[in-house]
Structure formats: C-alpha cells, structure tokens
C-alpha atoms as a PDB file:
ATOM      1  CA  UNK A   1      63.539 -53.671 -14.783  1.00  0.00           C
ATOM      2  CA  UNK A   2      64.389 -52.650 -18.318  1.00  0.00           C
ATOM      3  CA  UNK A   3      64.132 -49.078 -19.557  1.00  0.00           C
ATOM      4  CA  UNK A   4      63.967 -48.561 -23.308  1.00  0.00           C
ATOM      5  CA  UNK A   5      65.348 -45.130 -24.120  1.00  0.00           C
ATOM      6  CA  UNK A   6      66.647 -42.956 -26.946  1.00  0.00           C
ATOM      7  CA  UNK A   7      69.612 -40.648 -26.304  1.00  0.00           C
ATOM      8  CA  UNK A   8      68.509 -37.222 -25.124  1.00  0.00           C
ATOM      9  CA  UNK A   9      64.806 -37.924 -25.719  1.00  0.00           C
ATOM     10  CA  UNK A  10      62.101 -37.602 -23.052  1.00  0.00           C
ATOM     11  CA  UNK A  11      63.174 -41.051 -21.800  1.00  0.00           C
ATOM     12  CA  UNK A  12      66.061 -39.220 -20.105  1.00  0.00           C
ATOM     13  CA  UNK A  13      63.528 -38.342 -17.390  1.00  0.00           C
ATOM     14  CA  UNK A  14      62.786 -41.922 -16.182  1.00  0.00           C
ATOM     15  CA  UNK A  15      66.458 -42.777 -16.722  1.00  0.00           C
ATOM     16  CA  UNK A  16      67.307 -40.038 -14.195  1.00  0.00           C
ATOM     17  CA  UNK A  17      64.527 -41.263 -11.880  1.00  0.00           C
ATOM     18  CA  UNK A  18      65.891 -44.828 -11.896  1.00  0.00           C
ATOM     19  CA  UNK A  19      69.389 -43.607 -11.077  1.00  0.00           C
ATOM     20  CA  UNK A  20      68.133 -41.242  -8.345  1.00  0.00           C
ATOM     21  CA  UNK A  21      66.046 -44.069  -6.854  1.00  0.00           C
ATOM     22  CA  UNK A  22      69.049 -46.392  -6.725  1.00  0.00           C
ATOM     23  CA  UNK A  23      67.058 -49.239  -8.288  1.00  0.00           C
ATOM     24  CA  UNK A  24      68.555 -52.088 -10.286  1.00  0.00           C
ATOM     25  CA  UNK A  25      67.737 -51.672 -13.967  1.00  0.00           C
ATOM     26  CA  UNK A  26      68.991 -52.252 -17.480  1.00  0.00           C
ATOM     27  CA  UNK A  27      68.922 -49.363 -19.952  1.00  0.00           C
ATOM     28  CA  UNK A  28      68.408 -50.490 -23.555  1.00  0.00           C
ATOM     29  CA  UNK A  29      68.862 -48.080 -26.458  1.00  0.00           C
ATOM     30  CA  UNK A  30      65.789 -47.933 -28.698  1.00  0.00           C
ATOM     31  CA  UNK A  31      66.586 -45.161 -31.212  1.00  0.00           C
ATOM     32  CA  UNK A  32      63.417 -43.300 -32.180  1.00  0.00           C
ATOM     33  CA  UNK A  33      64.498 -42.969 -35.828  1.00  0.00           C
ATOM     34  CA  UNK A  34      65.514 -46.552 -36.620  1.00  0.00           C
ATOM     35  CA  UNK A  35      63.369 -48.458 -34.056  1.00  0.00           C
ATOM     36  CA  UNK A  36      66.162 -51.045 -34.084  1.00  0.00           C
ATOM     37  CA  UNK A  37      67.405 -52.500 -30.809  1.00  0.00           C
ATOM     38  CA  UNK A  38      71.089 -53.351 -30.154  1.00  0.00           C
ATOM     39  CA  UNK A  39      70.382 -57.018 -31.011  1.00  0.00           C
ATOM     40  CA  UNK A  40      68.984 -55.980 -34.411  1.00  0.00           C
ATOM     41  CA  UNK A  41      65.343 -56.682 -33.544  1.00  0.00           C
ATOM     42  CA  UNK A  42      62.430 -54.310 -34.138  1.00  0.00           C
ATOM     43  CA  UNK A  43      61.594 -52.290 -31.008  1.00  0.00           C
ATOM     44  CA  UNK A  44      57.926 -52.161 -32.104  1.00  0.00           C
ATOM     45  CA  UNK A  45      57.616 -55.852 -31.200  1.00  0.00           C
ATOM     46  CA  UNK A  46      58.096 -54.746 -27.579  1.00  0.00           C
ATOM     47  CA  UNK A  47      56.252 -51.421 -27.723  1.00  0.00           C
ATOM     48  CA  UNK A  48      53.933 -51.257 -30.752  1.00  0.00           C
ATOM     49  CA  UNK A  49      53.843 -47.452 -30.546  1.00  0.00           C
ATOM     50  CA  UNK A  50      57.579 -47.393 -31.238  1.00  0.00           C
ATOM     51  CA  UNK A  51      58.387 -44.444 -29.022  1.00  0.00           C
ATOM     52  CA  UNK A  52      60.183 -44.080 -25.713  1.00  0.00           C
ATOM     53  CA  UNK A  53      60.215 -44.355 -22.744  1.00  0.00           C
ATOM     54  CA  UNK A  54      58.970 -47.875 -22.118  1.00  0.00           C
ATOM     55  CA  UNK A  55      59.568 -49.686 -18.845  1.00  0.00           C
ATOM     56  CA  UNK A  56      59.402 -53.473 -18.586  1.00  0.00           C
ATOM     57  CA  UNK A  57      58.989 -54.738 -15.033  1.00  0.00           C
ATOM     58  CA  UNK A  58      60.659 -57.878 -13.728  1.00  0.00           C
ATOM     59  CA  UNK A  59      57.461 -59.885 -14.296  1.00  0.00           C
ATOM     60  CA  UNK A  60      57.354 -58.790 -17.941  1.00  0.00           C
ATOM     61  CA  UNK A  61      54.599 -56.193 -17.525  1.00  0.00           C
ATOM     62  CA  UNK A  62      55.121 -53.105 -19.693  1.00  0.00           C
ATOM     63  CA  UNK A  63      54.475 -49.521 -18.653  1.00  0.00           C
ATOM     64  CA  UNK A  64      54.430 -46.615 -21.081  1.00  0.00           C
ATOM     65  CA  UNK A  65      54.201 -42.798 -20.818  1.00  0.00           C
ATOM     66  CA  UNK A  66      56.886 -40.920 -18.922  1.00  0.00           C
ATOM     67  CA  UNK A  67      54.765 -39.291 -16.179  1.00  0.00           C
ATOM     68  CA  UNK A  68      53.298 -42.686 -15.208  1.00  0.00           C
ATOM     69  CA  UNK A  69      56.681 -44.424 -15.376  1.00  0.00           C
ATOM     70  CA  UNK A  70      58.465 -41.893 -13.160  1.00  0.00           C
ATOM     71  CA  UNK A  71      55.754 -42.090 -10.491  1.00  0.00           C
ATOM     72  CA  UNK A  72      56.002 -45.883 -10.500  1.00  0.00           C
ATOM     73  CA  UNK A  73      59.789 -45.604 -10.078  1.00  0.00           C
ATOM     74  CA  UNK A  74      59.437 -43.070  -7.263  1.00  0.00           C
ATOM     75  CA  UNK A  75      57.017 -45.353  -5.406  1.00  0.00           C
ATOM     76  CA  UNK A  76      59.547 -48.211  -5.491  1.00  0.00           C
ATOM     77  CA  UNK A  77      61.968 -46.109  -3.398  1.00  0.00           C
ATOM     78  CA  UNK A  78      59.808 -43.962  -1.069  1.00  0.00           C
ATOM     79  CA  UNK A  79      62.772 -43.092   1.138  1.00  0.00           C
ATOM     80  CA  UNK A  80      64.336 -41.110  -1.718  1.00  0.00           C
ATOM     81  CA  UNK A  81      61.398 -38.630  -1.671  1.00  0.00           C
ATOM     82  CA  UNK A  82      61.186 -38.529  -5.472  1.00  0.00           C
ATOM     83  CA  UNK A  83      57.393 -38.224  -5.129  1.00  0.00           C
ATOM     84  CA  UNK A  84      55.161 -37.349  -2.175  1.00  0.00           C
ATOM     85  CA  UNK A  85      53.015 -40.157  -0.762  1.00  0.00           C
ATOM     86  CA  UNK A  86      49.953 -41.233  -2.732  1.00  0.00           C
ATOM     87  CA  UNK A  87      46.736 -39.608  -1.574  1.00  0.00           C
ATOM     88  CA  UNK A  88      48.390 -36.438  -0.278  1.00  0.00           C
ATOM     89  CA  UNK A  89      47.754 -32.993  -1.727  1.00  0.00           C
ATOM     90  CA  UNK A  90      51.472 -32.763  -2.471  1.00  0.00           C
ATOM     91  CA  UNK A  91      51.168 -35.866  -4.709  1.00  0.00           C
ATOM     92  CA  UNK A  92      48.442 -34.159  -6.731  1.00  0.00           C
ATOM     93  CA  UNK A  93      50.646 -31.059  -6.979  1.00  0.00           C
ATOM     94  CA  UNK A  94      53.428 -33.268  -8.349  1.00  0.00           C
ATOM     95  CA  UNK A  95      50.984 -34.740 -10.883  1.00  0.00           C
ATOM     96  CA  UNK A  96      49.945 -31.212 -11.802  1.00  0.00           C
ATOM     97  CA  UNK A  97      53.586 -30.376 -12.578  1.00  0.00           C
ATOM     98  CA  UNK A  98      54.079 -33.587 -14.564  1.00  0.00           C
ATOM     99  CA  UNK A  99      50.965 -32.822 -16.614  1.00  0.00           C
ATOM    100  CA  UNK A 100      51.998 -29.213 -17.170  1.00  0.00           C
ATOM    101  CA  UNK A 101      55.506 -30.185 -18.286  1.00  0.00           C
ATOM    102  CA  UNK A 102      54.104 -32.888 -20.569  1.00  0.00           C
ATOM    103  CA  UNK A 103      51.317 -30.927 -22.233  1.00  0.00           C
ATOM    104  CA  UNK A 104      52.565 -27.344 -22.118  1.00  0.00           C
ATOM    105  CA  UNK A 105      56.354 -27.624 -22.475  1.00  0.00           C
ATOM    106  CA  UNK A 106      57.180 -31.048 -23.930  1.00  0.00           C
ATOM    107  CA  UNK A 107      54.446 -30.810 -26.571  1.00  0.00           C
ATOM    108  CA  UNK A 108      55.368 -27.212 -27.415  1.00  0.00           C
ATOM    109  CA  UNK A 109      58.836 -28.451 -28.373  1.00  0.00           C
ATOM    110  CA  UNK A 110      57.442 -31.212 -30.625  1.00  0.00           C
ATOM    111  CA  UNK A 111      56.777 -29.042 -33.738  1.00  0.00           C
ATOM    112  CA  UNK A 112      60.342 -27.701 -33.536  1.00  0.00           C
ATOM    113  CA  UNK A 113      61.748 -31.188 -34.138  1.00  0.00           C
ATOM    114  CA  UNK A 114      59.545 -31.767 -37.205  1.00  0.00           C
ATOM    115  CA  UNK A 115      61.387 -30.822 -40.428  1.00  0.00           C
ATOM    116  CA  UNK A 116      58.059 -30.733 -42.307  1.00  0.00           C
ATOM    117  CA  UNK A 117      56.603 -28.128 -39.960  1.00  0.00           C
ATOM    118  CA  UNK A 118      56.275 -24.667 -41.605  1.00  0.00           C
ATOM    119  CA  UNK A 119      58.396 -21.853 -40.145  1.00  0.00           C
ATOM    120  CA  UNK A 120      55.251 -19.966 -39.077  1.00  0.00           C
ATOM    121  CA  UNK A 121      54.040 -22.931 -37.032  1.00  0.00           C
ATOM    122  CA  UNK A 122      57.452 -23.287 -35.416  1.00  0.00           C
ATOM    123  CA  UNK A 123      57.387 -19.612 -34.448  1.00  0.00           C
ATOM    124  CA  UNK A 124      53.927 -20.026 -32.905  1.00  0.00           C
ATOM    125  CA  UNK A 125      55.256 -22.963 -30.869  1.00  0.00           C
ATOM    126  CA  UNK A 126      58.254 -20.886 -29.722  1.00  0.00           C
ATOM    127  CA  UNK A 127      55.970 -18.020 -28.695  1.00  0.00           C
ATOM    128  CA  UNK A 128      53.776 -20.373 -26.652  1.00  0.00           C
ATOM    129  CA  UNK A 129      56.863 -21.935 -25.109  1.00  0.00           C
ATOM    130  CA  UNK A 130      58.201 -18.523 -24.073  1.00  0.00           C
ATOM    131  CA  UNK A 131      55.054 -17.860 -22.057  1.00  0.00           C
ATOM    132  CA  UNK A 132      55.205 -21.242 -20.354  1.00  0.00           C
ATOM    133  CA  UNK A 133      58.902 -20.879 -19.513  1.00  0.00           C
ATOM    134  CA  UNK A 134      58.252 -17.429 -18.060  1.00  0.00           C
ATOM    135  CA  UNK A 135      55.617 -18.983 -15.786  1.00  0.00           C
ATOM    136  CA  UNK A 136      58.037 -21.729 -14.665  1.00  0.00           C
ATOM    137  CA  UNK A 137      60.735 -19.143 -14.033  1.00  0.00           C
ATOM    138  CA  UNK A 138      58.388 -17.301 -11.684  1.00  0.00           C
ATOM    139  CA  UNK A 139      57.423 -20.505  -9.883  1.00  0.00           C
ATOM    140  CA  UNK A 140      61.091 -21.321  -9.260  1.00  0.00           C
ATOM    141  CA  UNK A 141      61.801 -18.000  -7.536  1.00  0.00           C
ATOM    142  CA  UNK A 142      63.232 -18.700  -4.070  1.00  0.00           C
ATOM    143  CA  UNK A 143      62.963 -22.482  -4.426  1.00  0.00           C
ATOM    144  CA  UNK A 144      65.705 -25.000  -5.215  1.00  0.00           C
ATOM    145  CA  UNK A 145      63.237 -27.372  -6.926  1.00  0.00           C
ATOM    146  CA  UNK A 146      59.688 -27.295  -8.317  1.00  0.00           C
ATOM    147  CA  UNK A 147      58.169 -28.793  -5.159  1.00  0.00           C
ATOM    148  CA  UNK A 148      60.424 -26.922  -2.729  1.00  0.00           C
ATOM    149  CA  UNK A 149      63.480 -28.403  -1.016  1.00  0.00           C
ATOM    150  CA  UNK A 150      63.174 -31.956  -2.371  1.00  0.00           C
ATOM    151  CA  UNK A 151      64.229 -33.026  -5.870  1.00  0.00           C
ATOM    152  CA  UNK A 152      61.312 -34.973  -7.392  1.00  0.00           C
ATOM    153  CA  UNK A 153      60.601 -36.795 -10.640  1.00  0.00           C
ATOM    154  CA  UNK A 154      59.021 -33.576 -11.943  1.00  0.00           C
ATOM    155  CA  UNK A 155      62.470 -31.954 -11.783  1.00  0.00           C
ATOM    156  CA  UNK A 156      63.995 -34.742 -13.847  1.00  0.00           C
ATOM    157  CA  UNK A 157      61.287 -34.210 -16.457  1.00  0.00           C
ATOM    158  CA  UNK A 158      61.624 -30.414 -16.567  1.00  0.00           C
ATOM    159  CA  UNK A 159      65.403 -30.707 -16.851  1.00  0.00           C
ATOM    160  CA  UNK A 160      64.985 -33.188 -19.711  1.00  0.00           C
ATOM    161  CA  UNK A 161      62.651 -31.079 -21.846  1.00  0.00           C
ATOM    162  CA  UNK A 162      64.490 -27.804 -21.242  1.00  0.00           C
ATOM    163  CA  UNK A 163      67.665 -29.548 -22.471  1.00  0.00           C
ATOM    164  CA  UNK A 164      66.107 -29.214 -25.919  1.00  0.00           C
ATOM    165  CA  UNK A 165      66.320 -25.411 -25.813  1.00  0.00           C
ATOM    166  CA  UNK A 166      69.951 -25.381 -26.966  1.00  0.00           C
ATOM    167  CA  UNK A 167      69.594 -27.566 -30.104  1.00  0.00           C
ATOM    168  CA  UNK A 168      66.394 -25.664 -30.965  1.00  0.00           C
ATOM    169  CA  UNK A 169      68.263 -22.353 -30.556  1.00  0.00           C
ATOM    170  CA  UNK A 170      66.041 -21.058 -27.761  1.00  0.00           C
ATOM    171  CA  UNK A 171      67.857 -18.654 -25.454  1.00  0.00           C
ATOM    172  CA  UNK A 172      67.001 -19.309 -21.801  1.00  0.00           C
ATOM    173  CA  UNK A 173      68.851 -16.261 -20.439  1.00  0.00           C
ATOM    174  CA  UNK A 174      65.530 -14.416 -20.062  1.00  0.00           C
ATOM    175  CA  UNK A 175      64.660 -16.938 -17.331  1.00  0.00           C
ATOM    176  CA  UNK A 176      67.373 -16.563 -14.644  1.00  0.00           C
ATOM    177  CA  UNK A 177      65.642 -18.761 -12.066  1.00  0.00           C
ATOM    178  CA  UNK A 178      65.280 -21.537 -14.629  1.00  0.00           C
ATOM    179  CA  UNK A 179      68.917 -21.211 -15.703  1.00  0.00           C
ATOM    180  CA  UNK A 180      70.133 -21.434 -12.077  1.00  0.00           C
ATOM    181  CA  UNK A 181      67.792 -24.372 -11.474  1.00  0.00           C
ATOM    182  CA  UNK A 182      69.091 -26.228 -14.523  1.00  0.00           C
ATOM    183  CA  UNK A 183      72.662 -25.743 -13.307  1.00  0.00           C
ATOM    184  CA  UNK A 184      71.652 -27.098  -9.885  1.00  0.00           C
ATOM    185  CA  UNK A 185      69.969 -30.191 -11.348  1.00  0.00           C
ATOM    186  CA  UNK A 186      72.873 -30.811 -13.759  1.00  0.00           C
ATOM    187  CA  UNK A 187      75.341 -31.185 -10.875  1.00  0.00           C
ATOM    188  CA  UNK A 188      73.405 -34.012  -9.195  1.00  0.00           C
ATOM    189  CA  UNK A 189      75.472 -37.224  -9.312  1.00  0.00           C
ATOM    190  CA  UNK A 190      72.586 -39.293 -10.718  1.00  0.00           C
ATOM    191  CA  UNK A 191      71.962 -36.745 -13.470  1.00  0.00           C
ATOM    192  CA  UNK A 192      75.668 -36.650 -14.313  1.00  0.00           C
ATOM    193  CA  UNK A 193      75.800 -40.469 -14.462  1.00  0.00           C
ATOM    194  CA  UNK A 194      72.813 -40.717 -16.797  1.00  0.00           C
ATOM    195  CA  UNK A 195      73.981 -37.876 -19.040  1.00  0.00           C
ATOM    196  CA  UNK A 196      77.321 -39.667 -19.428  1.00  0.00           C
ATOM    197  CA  UNK A 197      75.621 -43.014 -20.061  1.00  0.00           C
ATOM    198  CA  UNK A 198      73.525 -41.464 -22.854  1.00  0.00           C
ATOM    199  CA  UNK A 199      76.542 -39.736 -24.413  1.00  0.00           C
ATOM    200  CA  UNK A 200      75.200 -36.260 -23.591  1.00  0.00           C
ATOM    201  CA  UNK A 201      78.303 -35.070 -21.707  1.00  0.00           C
END
C-alpha cells in the first residue's frame, strides 16, 4: 500500500493507523501547497482532488477520505482492535465518532488555516470549536480512549486534528480530560514513530 500524506495534515491519522496496524506500506509526501511529489510529478495525476490522505492499494485501487481509509486499514488487521467488527453497534459508534471529528472539529479548524478568512469568521469558528471540544472533554471523563479501553482509529483522528490547536493559538487547558488523553496518545510507540517520520517531533 502507498499512503500519500502531507506533514501534520489530516493524513497523519491514517499514517498512525497504518503504523498501529503493523501493515507494510510506503508513505509518500504529497505537500498540499505545491502538489509536487518527491519525483517531481504532479500529485493531481494520482488524486485529481489534490488533497490528502489518499491510499493506493496493492492492486492499484485508490481510496480517498480519511474516515473511510482508516476503517479499511483497521479491517486489514482485526487483531489490533483498531475498529470494532463490522455490523456491531460498536462499529456504528466508531463511525459516529469519525463523522463527528470530521464534520464538527476538523471542519471547524479549516477557516483558521485560510489567510483570506476575515477575523470575525475565524472567531466564529473558534467559538464553535470551543463548544465541540468541551463536549469531547466530557465524553473522555473516566475513559482512556474515545471508545473505552481500546485505542481505535477515531483516537488517531482526534489526536491529529487537536494537534492543530497549538499553531492556531487555541489553549486546550480548559479541557483537562482532553489534555491528559492527548498526552496518553502521544506516548504510543506507533504515534511517536509517525510523528518522527513526518518531522513533527
């Protein structure tokens, strides 16, 4: 498998999932700004949308969108418990978390990265984000991970998007459960390995 990623972007989530799953893969840098691959070619010839993550399977099939990619990865290594079994209520709860992180947290950060976005719009995004992070903080009370005792692909995704709080100057100290959770996730060997590989440590 080949994972096309950009350092510190949302593609960090499937990068973590691949490492946690112990699967054989190649990580290829596809910078979101230049769209130029290490060999000098245009990334858009592989993924016309030009964004990351993008997973190419061994047979050449491409898979896009992080929440779909991480579930595919999890299902390739069921013994790692990165996702509950398909068809179970727990699997739908995992999908609920992936959707919530994608639409309510990830997308709330998006305006903050846009230099053309007016300050008022950025403040509205930060206000919305504060409410969502408060909810997550409450959900993490008394639990090591979002789904309970097991680290899942939803945790890799939440860790990834909350990494953006620091560069966007969002103080997470109001969310003690989230802060403790982030510290817990950050110490995982797979997370450490991927953070180093992407130049984030």
